[in-house]
Amino acid sequence: MAVPKRKTSKKVKRQRRTHKKLSLPGLVECKNCGDHVKQHHVCKSCGHYNGKEVVEQ
């Protein structure tokens, strides 16, 4: 069974894990109210989608 000869340093360990991170969802600005919303979703604050009112407040 393979056993490491030396302890893995913090630097090497962190360099290896740099790609394992959370990414932000694609947010765009609502054309009506300026709030940040997910792409292709109805705005929760004003109820608009693609410049049209979809959900009445």
PDB file of N, CA and C in Angstrom:
ATOM      1  N   MET A   1       0.838  -1.184   0.000  1.00  0.00           N
ATOM      2  CA  MET A   1       0.000   0.000   0.000  1.00  0.00           C
ATOM      3  C   MET A   1       0.884   1.249   0.000  1.00  0.00           C
ATOM      4  N   ALA A   2       0.556   2.201  -0.828  1.00  0.00           N
ATOM      5  CA  ALA A   2       1.374   3.405  -0.953  1.00  0.00           C
ATOM      6  C   ALA A   2       1.144   4.332   0.231  1.00  0.00           C
ATOM      7  N   VAL A   3       2.251   4.797   0.809  1.00  0.00           N
ATOM      8  CA  VAL A   3       2.204   5.710   1.949  1.00  0.00           C
ATOM      9  C   VAL A   3       3.042   6.928   1.592  1.00  0.00           C
ATOM     10  N   PRO A   4       2.530   8.159   1.822  1.00  0.00           N
ATOM     11  CA  PRO A   4       3.310   9.346   1.507  1.00  0.00           C
ATOM     12  C   PRO A   4       4.598   9.402   2.341  1.00  0.00           C
ATOM     13  N   LYS A   5       5.674   9.800   1.709  1.00  0.00           N
ATOM     14  CA  LYS A   5       6.952   9.879   2.417  1.00  0.00           C
ATOM     15  C   LYS A   5       7.001  11.118   3.307  1.00  0.00           C
ATOM     16  N   ARG A   6       6.346  12.198   2.853  1.00  0.00           N
ATOM     17  CA  ARG A   6       6.335  13.440   3.638  1.00  0.00           C
ATOM     18  C   ARG A   6       4.898  13.965   3.754  1.00  0.00           C
ATOM     19  N   LYS A   7       4.697  14.783   4.783  1.00  0.00           N
ATOM     20  CA  LYS A   7       3.390  15.404   4.996  1.00  0.00           C
ATOM     21  C   LYS A   7       3.126  16.411   3.879  1.00  0.00           C
ATOM     22  N   THR A   8       1.894  16.422   3.361  1.00  0.00           N
ATOM     23  CA  THR A   8       1.513  17.396   2.338  1.00  0.00           C
ATOM     24  C   THR A   8       1.374  18.763   2.987  1.00  0.00           C
ATOM     25  N   SER A   9       2.087  19.748   2.484  1.00  0.00           N
ATOM     26  CA  SER A   9       2.061  21.082   3.075  1.00  0.00           C
ATOM     27  C   SER A   9       0.725  21.771   2.812  1.00  0.00           C
ATOM     28  N   LYS A  10       0.446  22.796   3.593  1.00  0.00           N
ATOM     29  CA  LYS A  10      -0.800  23.551   3.428  1.00  0.00           C
ATOM     30  C   LYS A  10      -0.866  24.200   2.050  1.00  0.00           C
ATOM     31  N   LYS A  11       0.281  24.697   1.589  1.00  0.00           N
ATOM     32  CA  LYS A  11       0.332  25.353   0.279  1.00  0.00           C
ATOM     33  C   LYS A  11      -0.042  24.390  -0.847  1.00  0.00           C
ATOM     34  N   VAL A  12       0.544  23.215  -0.841  1.00  0.00           N
ATOM     35  CA  VAL A  12       0.279  22.243  -1.894  1.00  0.00           C
ATOM     36  C   VAL A  12      -1.164  21.772  -1.837  1.00  0.00           C
ATOM     37  N   LYS A  13      -1.662  21.546  -0.622  1.00  0.00           N
ATOM     38  CA  LYS A  13      -3.035  21.090  -0.441  1.00  0.00           C
ATOM     39  C   LYS A  13      -4.024  22.141  -0.957  1.00  0.00           C
ATOM     40  N   ARG A  14      -3.762  23.401  -0.642  1.00  0.00           N
ATOM     41  CA  ARG A  14      -4.670  24.478  -1.070  1.00  0.00           C
ATOM     42  C   ARG A  14      -4.585  24.729  -2.573  1.00  0.00           C
ATOM     43  N   GLN A  15      -3.391  24.586  -3.148  1.00  0.00           N
ATOM     44  CA  GLN A  15      -3.261  24.738  -4.598  1.00  0.00           C
ATOM     45  C   GLN A  15      -4.037  23.658  -5.336  1.00  0.00           C
ATOM     46  N   ARG A  16      -4.060  22.467  -4.794  1.00  0.00           N
ATOM     47  CA  ARG A  16      -4.772  21.366  -5.430  1.00  0.00           C
ATOM     48  C   ARG A  16      -6.280  21.591  -5.370  1.00  0.00           C
ATOM     49  N   ARG A  17      -6.759  22.262  -4.328  1.00  0.00           N
ATOM     50  CA  ARG A  17      -8.198  22.445  -4.127  1.00  0.00           C
ATOM     51  C   ARG A  17      -8.733  23.770  -4.665  1.00  0.00           C
ATOM     52  N   THR A  18      -7.968  24.505  -5.448  1.00  0.00           N
ATOM     53  CA  THR A  18      -8.408  25.819  -5.902  1.00  0.00           C
ATOM     54  C   THR A  18      -9.625  25.752  -6.814  1.00  0.00           C
ATOM     55  N   HIS A  19      -9.801  24.672  -7.565  1.00  0.00           N
ATOM     56  CA  HIS A  19     -10.939  24.575  -8.473  1.00  0.00           C
ATOM     57  C   HIS A  19     -12.201  24.094  -7.768  1.00  0.00           C
ATOM     58  N   LYS A  20     -12.103  23.652  -6.512  1.00  0.00           N
ATOM     59  CA  LYS A  20     -13.268  23.172  -5.765  1.00  0.00           C
ATOM     60  C   LYS A  20     -13.860  24.341  -4.985  1.00  0.00           C
ATOM     61  N   LYS A  21     -14.698  25.120  -5.615  1.00  0.00           N
ATOM     62  CA  LYS A  21     -15.290  26.271  -4.947  1.00  0.00           C
ATOM     63  C   LYS A  21     -16.691  26.507  -5.472  1.00  0.00           C
ATOM     64  N   LEU A  22     -17.461  27.242  -4.731  1.00  0.00           N
ATOM     65  CA  LEU A  22     -18.824  27.581  -5.139  1.00  0.00           C
ATOM     66  C   LEU A  22     -18.783  28.670  -6.195  1.00  0.00           C
ATOM     67  N   SER A  23     -19.709  28.608  -7.125  1.00  0.00           N
ATOM     68  CA  SER A  23     -19.794  29.645  -8.143  1.00  0.00           C
ATOM     69  C   SER A  23     -21.124  30.383  -7.998  1.00  0.00           C
ATOM     70  N   LEU A  24     -21.126  31.642  -8.332  1.00  0.00           N
ATOM     71  CA  LEU A  24     -22.335  32.445  -8.239  1.00  0.00           C
ATOM     72  C   LEU A  24     -23.265  32.132  -9.408  1.00  0.00           C
ATOM     73  N   PRO A  25     -24.571  32.125  -9.157  1.00  0.00           N
ATOM     74  CA  PRO A  25     -25.498  31.926 -10.269  1.00  0.00           C
ATOM     75  C   PRO A  25     -25.493  33.150 -11.180  1.00  0.00           C
ATOM     76  N   GLY A  26     -25.890  32.949 -12.437  1.00  0.00           N
ATOM     77  CA  GLY A  26     -25.919  34.048 -13.392  1.00  0.00           C
ATOM     78  C   GLY A  26     -27.050  35.004 -13.071  1.00  0.00           C
ATOM     79  N   LEU A  27     -26.719  36.150 -12.498  1.00  0.00           N
ATOM     80  CA  LEU A  27     -27.722  37.145 -12.130  1.00  0.00           C
ATOM     81  C   LEU A  27     -27.705  38.285 -13.138  1.00  0.00           C
ATOM     82  N   VAL A  28     -28.895  38.779 -13.471  1.00  0.00           N
ATOM     83  CA  VAL A  28     -29.038  39.938 -14.348  1.00  0.00           C
ATOM     84  C   VAL A  28     -29.908  40.964 -13.639  1.00  0.00           C
ATOM     85  N   GLU A  29     -29.885  42.182 -14.122  1.00  0.00           N
ATOM     86  CA  GLU A  29     -30.674  43.250 -13.528  1.00  0.00           C
ATOM     87  C   GLU A  29     -32.062  43.275 -14.152  1.00  0.00           C
ATOM     88  N   CYS A  30     -33.092  43.377 -13.309  1.00  0.00           N
ATOM     89  CA  CYS A  30     -34.476  43.456 -13.790  1.00  0.00           C
ATOM     90  C   CYS A  30     -34.652  44.764 -14.563  1.00  0.00           C
ATOM     91  N   LYS A  31     -35.288  44.685 -15.728  1.00  0.00           N
ATOM     92  CA  LYS A  31     -35.478  45.873 -16.560  1.00  0.00           C
ATOM     93  C   LYS A  31     -36.479  46.842 -15.939  1.00  0.00           C
ATOM     94  N   ASN A  32     -37.377  46.330 -15.090  1.00  0.00           N
ATOM     95  CA  ASN A  32     -38.418  47.171 -14.504  1.00  0.00           C
ATOM     96  C   ASN A  32     -37.952  47.845 -13.217  1.00  0.00           C
ATOM     97  N   CYS A  33     -37.467  47.053 -12.245  1.00  0.00           N
ATOM     98  CA  CYS A  33     -37.153  47.616 -10.931  1.00  0.00           C
ATOM     99  C   CYS A  33     -35.654  47.706 -10.643  1.00  0.00           C
ATOM    100  N   GLY A  34     -34.806  47.051 -11.432  1.00  0.00           N
ATOM    101  CA  GLY A  34     -33.373  47.123 -11.219  1.00  0.00           C
ATOM    102  C   GLY A  34     -32.840  46.136 -10.202  1.00  0.00           C
ATOM    103  N   ASP A  35     -33.689  45.248  -9.683  1.00  0.00           N
ATOM    104  CA  ASP A  35     -33.268  44.236  -8.721  1.00  0.00           C
ATOM    105  C   ASP A  35     -32.541  43.109  -9.449  1.00  0.00           C
ATOM    106  N   HIS A  36     -31.645  42.413  -8.765  1.00  0.00           N
ATOM    107  CA  HIS A  36     -30.932  41.291  -9.365  1.00  0.00           C
ATOM    108  C   HIS A  36     -31.787  40.038  -9.298  1.00  0.00           C
ATOM    109  N   VAL A  37     -31.971  39.379 -10.453  1.00  0.00           N
ATOM    110  CA  VAL A  37     -32.759  38.152 -10.537  1.00  0.00           C
ATOM    111  C   VAL A  37     -32.002  37.130 -11.366  1.00  0.00           C
ATOM    112  N   LYS A  38     -32.362  35.849 -11.229  1.00  0.00           N
ATOM    113  CA  LYS A  38     -31.769  34.804 -12.055  1.00  0.00           C
ATOM    114  C   LYS A  38     -32.223  34.985 -13.494  1.00  0.00           C
ATOM    115  N   GLN A  39     -31.375  34.559 -14.419  1.00  0.00           N
ATOM    116  CA  GLN A  39     -31.733  34.659 -15.825  1.00  0.00           C
ATOM    117  C   GLN A  39     -32.932  33.772 -16.124  1.00  0.00           C
ATOM    118  N   HIS A  40     -33.836  34.248 -16.950  1.00  0.00           N
ATOM    119  CA  HIS A  40     -35.016  33.517 -17.406  1.00  0.00           C
ATOM    120  C   HIS A  40     -35.953  33.161 -16.256  1.00  0.00           C
ATOM    121  N   HIS A  41     -36.028  34.016 -15.234  1.00  0.00           N
ATOM    122  CA  HIS A  41     -36.944  33.815 -14.118  1.00  0.00           C
ATOM    123  C   HIS A  41     -37.741  35.103 -13.900  1.00  0.00           C
ATOM    124  N   VAL A  42     -38.937  34.960 -13.327  1.00  0.00           N
ATOM    125  CA  VAL A  42     -39.781  36.112 -13.010  1.00  0.00           C
ATOM    126  C   VAL A  42     -39.172  36.843 -11.819  1.00  0.00           C
ATOM    127  N   CYS A  43     -39.177  38.163 -11.852  1.00  0.00           N
ATOM    128  CA  CYS A  43     -38.656  38.976 -10.756  1.00  0.00           C
ATOM    129  C   CYS A  43     -39.581  38.829  -9.557  1.00  0.00           C
ATOM    130  N   LYS A  44     -39.010  38.512  -8.391  1.00  0.00           N
ATOM    131  CA  LYS A  44     -39.816  38.307  -7.191  1.00  0.00           C
ATOM    132  C   LYS A  44     -40.344  39.615  -6.624  1.00  0.00           C
ATOM    133  N   SER A  45     -39.640  40.719  -6.833  1.00  0.00           N
ATOM    134  CA  SER A  45     -40.056  41.972  -6.221  1.00  0.00           C
ATOM    135  C   SER A  45     -41.142  42.696  -7.014  1.00  0.00           C
ATOM    136  N   CYS A  46     -41.100  42.623  -8.350  1.00  0.00           N
ATOM    137  CA  CYS A  46     -42.091  43.370  -9.131  1.00  0.00           C
ATOM    138  C   CYS A  46     -42.987  42.482  -9.990  1.00  0.00           C
ATOM    139  N   GLY A  47     -42.627  41.223 -10.199  1.00  0.00           N
ATOM    140  CA  GLY A  47     -43.470  40.310 -10.968  1.00  0.00           C
ATOM    141  C   GLY A  47     -43.371  40.465 -12.469  1.00  0.00           C
ATOM    142  N   HIS A  48     -42.313  41.054 -12.960  1.00  0.00           N
ATOM    143  CA  HIS A  48     -42.130  41.249 -14.396  1.00  0.00           C
ATOM    144  C   HIS A  48     -41.188  40.199 -14.974  1.00  0.00           C
ATOM    145  N   TYR A  49     -41.408  39.851 -16.237  1.00  0.00           N
ATOM    146  CA  TYR A  49     -40.518  38.958 -16.973  1.00  0.00           C
ATOM    147  C   TYR A  49     -40.466  39.435 -18.412  1.00  0.00           C
ATOM    148  N   ASN A  50     -39.284  39.677 -18.907  1.00  0.00           N
ATOM    149  CA  ASN A  50     -39.066  40.112 -20.279  1.00  0.00           C
ATOM    150  C   ASN A  50     -39.817  41.415 -20.591  1.00  0.00           C
ATOM    151  N   GLY A  51     -39.857  42.313 -19.606  1.00  0.00           N
ATOM    152  CA  GLY A  51     -40.474  43.618 -19.802  1.00  0.00           C
ATOM    153  C   GLY A  51     -41.993  43.624 -19.684  1.00  0.00           C
ATOM    154  N   LYS A  52     -42.607  42.490 -19.342  1.00  0.00           N
ATOM    155  CA  LYS A  52     -44.059  42.396 -19.223  1.00  0.00           C
ATOM    156  C   LYS A  52     -44.430  41.925 -17.829  1.00  0.00           C
ATOM    157  N   GLU A  53     -45.564  42.434 -17.313  1.00  0.00           N
ATOM    158  CA  GLU A  53     -46.033  42.010 -16.003  1.00  0.00           C
ATOM    159  C   GLU A  53     -46.677  40.628 -16.111  1.00  0.00           C
ATOM    160  N   VAL A  54     -46.120  39.666 -15.399  1.00  0.00           N
ATOM    161  CA  VAL A  54     -46.597  38.302 -15.452  1.00  0.00           C
ATOM    162  C   VAL A  54     -47.408  37.964 -14.211  1.00  0.00           C
ATOM    163  N   VAL A  55     -46.936  38.430 -13.057  1.00  0.00           N
ATOM    164  CA  VAL A  55     -47.598  38.152 -11.795  1.00  0.00           C
ATOM    165  C   VAL A  55     -48.093  39.482 -11.224  1.00  0.00           C
ATOM    166  N   GLU A  56     -49.379  39.545 -10.899  1.00  0.00           N
ATOM    167  CA  GLU A  56     -49.926  40.777 -10.321  1.00  0.00           C
ATOM    168  C   GLU A  56     -49.574  40.857  -8.847  1.00  0.00           C
ATOM    169  N   GLN A  57     -49.257  42.054  -8.395  1.00  0.00           N
ATOM    170  CA  GLN A  57     -48.909  42.263  -6.979  1.00  0.00           C
ATOM    171  C   GLN A  57     -50.113  42.536  -6.138  1.00  0.00           C
TER     172      GLN A  57
END
